């Protein structure tokens, strides 16, 4: 666990799943709703992926599937 990781009680940690799967969808729609180019939606999606991976590591999720 990193020094920046959220402080979770043992009880909360015991309730965390071992494997989390996320369908990363909607980047193009997100951009369109904001009148941005589709590629901008994908850039924001990539930032979201980084944040999800970082957060999953901080709370010790053992397996993360992004599709």
N, C-alpha and C. Protein backbone atom coordinates (compact mmCIF):
# COMPACT_ATOMS: atom_id res chain seq x y z
N UNK A 1 0.85 -1.17 0.00
CA UNK A 1 0.00 0.00 0.00
C UNK A 1 0.90 1.23 0.00
N UNK A 2 0.64 2.19 -0.86
CA UNK A 2 1.47 3.38 -0.96
C UNK A 2 1.16 4.35 0.17
N UNK A 3 2.04 5.33 0.35
CA UNK A 3 1.82 6.32 1.41
C UNK A 3 0.63 7.22 1.11
N UNK A 4 0.18 7.25 -0.14
CA UNK A 4 -0.95 8.08 -0.52
C UNK A 4 -2.27 7.31 -0.53
N UNK A 5 -2.23 6.04 -0.20
CA UNK A 5 -3.43 5.23 -0.33
C UNK A 5 -4.47 5.60 0.72
N UNK A 6 -5.73 5.45 0.35
CA UNK A 6 -6.80 5.75 1.30
C UNK A 6 -6.70 4.82 2.51
N UNK A 7 -7.01 5.34 3.66
CA UNK A 7 -6.98 4.53 4.87
C UNK A 7 -8.29 3.78 4.98
N UNK A 8 -8.23 2.48 4.80
CA UNK A 8 -9.42 1.64 4.89
C UNK A 8 -9.30 0.76 6.12
N UNK A 9 -10.40 0.61 6.81
CA UNK A 9 -10.39 -0.29 7.95
C UNK A 9 -10.24 -1.73 7.47
N UNK A 10 -9.86 -2.60 8.36
CA UNK A 10 -9.76 -4.02 7.99
C UNK A 10 -11.10 -4.53 7.50
N UNK A 11 -12.16 -4.10 8.15
CA UNK A 11 -13.50 -4.54 7.76
C UNK A 11 -13.83 -4.07 6.34
N UNK A 12 -13.53 -2.82 6.03
CA UNK A 12 -13.79 -2.30 4.69
C UNK A 12 -12.91 -3.02 3.66
N UNK A 13 -11.65 -3.23 4.00
CA UNK A 13 -10.73 -3.92 3.09
C UNK A 13 -11.21 -5.34 2.80
N UNK A 14 -11.77 -6.00 3.81
CA UNK A 14 -12.26 -7.38 3.63
C UNK A 14 -13.44 -7.44 2.67
N UNK A 15 -14.15 -6.34 2.52
CA UNK A 15 -15.32 -6.31 1.63
C UNK A 15 -14.96 -5.97 0.19
N UNK A 16 -13.73 -5.55 -0.06
CA UNK A 16 -13.34 -5.19 -1.42
C UNK A 16 -13.27 -6.43 -2.30
N UNK A 17 -13.67 -6.29 -3.56
CA UNK A 17 -13.55 -7.44 -4.46
C UNK A 17 -12.09 -7.68 -4.82
N UNK A 18 -11.80 -8.89 -5.23
CA UNK A 18 -10.45 -9.23 -5.68
C UNK A 18 -10.26 -8.79 -7.13
N UNK A 19 -11.34 -8.85 -7.90
CA UNK A 19 -11.29 -8.55 -9.33
C UNK A 19 -12.37 -7.53 -9.66
N UNK A 20 -11.97 -6.47 -10.34
CA UNK A 20 -12.90 -5.44 -10.81
C UNK A 20 -12.77 -5.37 -12.32
N UNK A 21 -13.90 -5.40 -13.02
CA UNK A 21 -13.91 -5.26 -14.48
C UNK A 21 -14.74 -4.04 -14.84
N UNK A 22 -14.23 -3.23 -15.74
CA UNK A 22 -14.90 -2.00 -16.15
C UNK A 22 -14.91 -1.91 -17.67
N UNK A 23 -16.07 -1.64 -18.24
CA UNK A 23 -16.17 -1.38 -19.68
C UNK A 23 -16.02 0.13 -19.85
N UNK A 24 -14.92 0.51 -20.47
CA UNK A 24 -14.62 1.93 -20.67
C UNK A 24 -15.28 2.37 -21.98
N UNK A 25 -16.49 2.85 -21.87
CA UNK A 25 -17.28 3.18 -23.05
C UNK A 25 -17.83 4.59 -22.90
N UNK A 26 -18.08 5.24 -24.01
CA UNK A 26 -18.76 6.53 -23.97
C UNK A 26 -17.87 7.73 -24.19
N UNK A 27 -16.60 7.51 -24.52
CA UNK A 27 -15.71 8.65 -24.73
C UNK A 27 -16.16 9.54 -25.87
N UNK A 28 -16.57 8.93 -26.96
CA UNK A 28 -17.04 9.70 -28.11
C UNK A 28 -18.31 10.47 -27.80
N UNK A 29 -19.25 9.81 -27.12
CA UNK A 29 -20.50 10.49 -26.73
C UNK A 29 -20.22 11.64 -25.76
N UNK A 30 -19.30 11.41 -24.82
CA UNK A 30 -18.94 12.45 -23.86
C UNK A 30 -18.44 13.69 -24.61
N UNK A 31 -17.56 13.48 -25.58
CA UNK A 31 -17.01 14.59 -26.35
C UNK A 31 -18.10 15.28 -27.18
N UNK A 32 -18.95 14.49 -27.81
CA UNK A 32 -20.01 15.05 -28.65
C UNK A 32 -20.95 15.94 -27.83
N UNK A 33 -21.30 15.48 -26.62
CA UNK A 33 -22.19 16.27 -25.76
C UNK A 33 -21.57 17.61 -25.38
N UNK A 34 -20.27 17.71 -25.46
CA UNK A 34 -19.56 18.93 -25.11
C UNK A 34 -19.04 19.68 -26.33
N UNK A 35 -19.51 19.26 -27.50
CA UNK A 35 -19.10 19.86 -28.78
C UNK A 35 -17.57 19.83 -28.95
N UNK A 36 -16.97 18.74 -28.53
CA UNK A 36 -15.53 18.55 -28.67
C UNK A 36 -15.26 17.48 -29.72
N UNK A 37 -14.08 17.49 -30.31
CA UNK A 37 -13.74 16.42 -31.25
C UNK A 37 -13.67 15.07 -30.52
N UNK A 38 -14.02 14.03 -31.22
CA UNK A 38 -14.03 12.68 -30.65
C UNK A 38 -12.70 12.32 -29.99
N UNK A 39 -11.60 12.73 -30.62
CA UNK A 39 -10.28 12.43 -30.08
C UNK A 39 -10.11 13.02 -28.67
N UNK A 40 -10.74 14.15 -28.42
CA UNK A 40 -10.67 14.75 -27.08
C UNK A 40 -11.36 13.86 -26.05
N UNK A 41 -12.43 13.22 -26.45
CA UNK A 41 -13.09 12.26 -25.56
C UNK A 41 -12.17 11.10 -25.23
N UNK A 42 -11.43 10.65 -26.22
CA UNK A 42 -10.50 9.54 -25.99
C UNK A 42 -9.33 9.98 -25.10
N UNK A 43 -8.91 11.23 -25.23
CA UNK A 43 -7.86 11.73 -24.33
C UNK A 43 -8.34 11.73 -22.89
N UNK A 44 -9.56 12.19 -22.69
CA UNK A 44 -10.12 12.19 -21.33
C UNK A 44 -10.32 10.76 -20.84
N UNK A 45 -10.69 9.87 -21.74
CA UNK A 45 -10.82 8.46 -21.36
C UNK A 45 -9.50 7.87 -20.91
N UNK A 46 -8.42 8.24 -21.59
CA UNK A 46 -7.09 7.76 -21.20
C UNK A 46 -6.71 8.27 -19.81
N UNK A 47 -7.08 9.52 -19.51
CA UNK A 47 -6.83 10.06 -18.17
C UNK A 47 -7.63 9.27 -17.13
N UNK A 48 -8.85 8.91 -17.48
CA UNK A 48 -9.68 8.12 -16.57
C UNK A 48 -9.06 6.75 -16.31
N UNK A 49 -8.52 6.14 -17.36
CA UNK A 49 -7.87 4.84 -17.20
C UNK A 49 -6.71 4.96 -16.22
N UNK A 50 -5.90 5.99 -16.38
CA UNK A 50 -4.77 6.18 -15.46
C UNK A 50 -5.26 6.32 -14.02
N UNK A 51 -6.31 7.10 -13.82
CA UNK A 51 -6.84 7.30 -12.47
C UNK A 51 -7.40 6.01 -11.88
N UNK A 52 -8.09 5.23 -12.70
CA UNK A 52 -8.67 3.96 -12.24
C UNK A 52 -7.56 2.99 -11.86
N UNK A 53 -6.54 2.88 -12.70
CA UNK A 53 -5.44 1.96 -12.42
C UNK A 53 -4.72 2.38 -11.13
N UNK A 54 -4.46 3.67 -11.00
CA UNK A 54 -3.79 4.18 -9.80
C UNK A 54 -4.62 3.88 -8.55
N UNK A 55 -5.90 4.19 -8.61
CA UNK A 55 -6.78 3.98 -7.45
C UNK A 55 -6.90 2.51 -7.10
N UNK A 56 -7.03 1.66 -8.10
CA UNK A 56 -7.13 0.22 -7.83
C UNK A 56 -5.87 -0.28 -7.14
N UNK A 57 -4.73 0.20 -7.57
CA UNK A 57 -3.48 -0.19 -6.92
C UNK A 57 -3.39 0.31 -5.49
N UNK A 58 -3.87 1.52 -5.26
CA UNK A 58 -3.81 2.10 -3.92
C UNK A 58 -4.65 1.34 -2.91
N UNK A 59 -5.73 0.74 -3.36
CA UNK A 59 -6.57 -0.01 -2.42
C UNK A 59 -6.38 -1.51 -2.57
N UNK A 60 -5.31 -1.88 -3.25
CA UNK A 60 -4.90 -3.29 -3.37
C UNK A 60 -5.90 -4.19 -4.07
N UNK A 61 -6.55 -3.69 -5.12
CA UNK A 61 -7.36 -4.56 -5.97
C UNK A 61 -6.36 -5.43 -6.73
N UNK A 62 -6.49 -6.73 -6.60
CA UNK A 62 -5.49 -7.64 -7.19
C UNK A 62 -5.61 -7.74 -8.71
N UNK A 63 -6.83 -7.74 -9.22
CA UNK A 63 -7.05 -7.92 -10.66
C UNK A 63 -7.97 -6.82 -11.16
N UNK A 64 -7.55 -6.16 -12.23
CA UNK A 64 -8.33 -5.10 -12.84
C UNK A 64 -8.42 -5.38 -14.33
N UNK A 65 -9.64 -5.49 -14.84
CA UNK A 65 -9.87 -5.71 -16.26
C UNK A 65 -10.54 -4.47 -16.82
N UNK A 66 -9.94 -3.89 -17.84
CA UNK A 66 -10.53 -2.74 -18.54
C UNK A 66 -10.79 -3.17 -19.96
N UNK A 67 -12.01 -2.97 -20.40
CA UNK A 67 -12.39 -3.37 -21.74
C UNK A 67 -13.00 -2.20 -22.44
